[in-house]
Structures are given as structure tokens and as C-alpha cells.
């Protein structure tokens, strides 16, 4: 199979109500491996954020949702980059058995701190990445300091919504 690569800039007419945003999609496919990076630049002048949702296999829609309000011990992150891997491609194609639709994909993410709690070493503007695995902290694996083996492990973008959003 040949290697295919490219970059496409899409305007709001291509993806729905993106409010004049530009979505740049860079893709590379080789053999059975697929990897895609989606960079989204959208307006942040209102208390709502744009979110790309996989409504059902083969269908992406843009919705507006409230900007998250972090809890006192949480950090608010502006998403800057989301890597789209094979898991996301399976979700889009309807071949990922561990989730329900609709789902906001994206578990490989980085961004910048917008707000952090007092006493945190993180400051607004700091670059960050997010470990997308959520462990319970209570099962036998977690108690043995092996959260990657958690009995209730969840992955952002697969179980709870992921990072194809502004925050």
C-alpha cells in the first residue's frame, strides 16, 4: 500500500457551525497504521466552546457546550493539539467496542494552563500534556500503585469525553 499524506484547511461550511474557524487536518496513512493530527483554532470570546462530536460512526458534528468550570483543586487547560490515533479512527469507523455514541474523541492531547488552584506549581500559559488514563485509586491494582492495571480504568475520549474541544 502506498503512503498518503496531506494537509487540508476546512472552513465552517465543511464542518458545520464553526463560527468562521479554520480546522487544519494533517493526515498520513501507511499500510495498516494510521495517524492523524487535528489542530483546531476557534473563537473563545464567549462562555461557550466548540466541541467536535462523533455523533455516530462516520459522522462528526460541531456542538457548543459550556466552558468547563474547574473544581477548586483542578486546572483549566486550553487544548492546543490533539493526536488522532488508531483508537480514534476505530471510533469514527464504528469499530471500537468499548464506548457509546455520541463521543468527543481525543485522548492524546496537550495544551496550556488557563487557570490553576492556589499553591499549584502550574501557572497560566504553562505548556502541559494530559495523561488520559483515569484510575479509581481504590481497587487492588491501584492500592499496589499500579493504576495502569486498574479494574475500573477509563480512557479520556473513549469512556468519558476527550479533547476535541477548546478546553
Foldseek 3Di string as FASTA:
>chain_A
DDKDWDKDWDFCVVAHPQPGWIKIKIWIDDDPWTKIKIFTDGDDPDQWWWAWKLQQAQDTHIDIDGQDDDDQQDWRWFWGIFIQGPQNVCRNRVNNPQADPGARAGQWTKTFTCDHHPPDPHDGGHIGTDRFKDADCPDPCNVVVNRVPHPPIDGDRGYHHHDRMRD
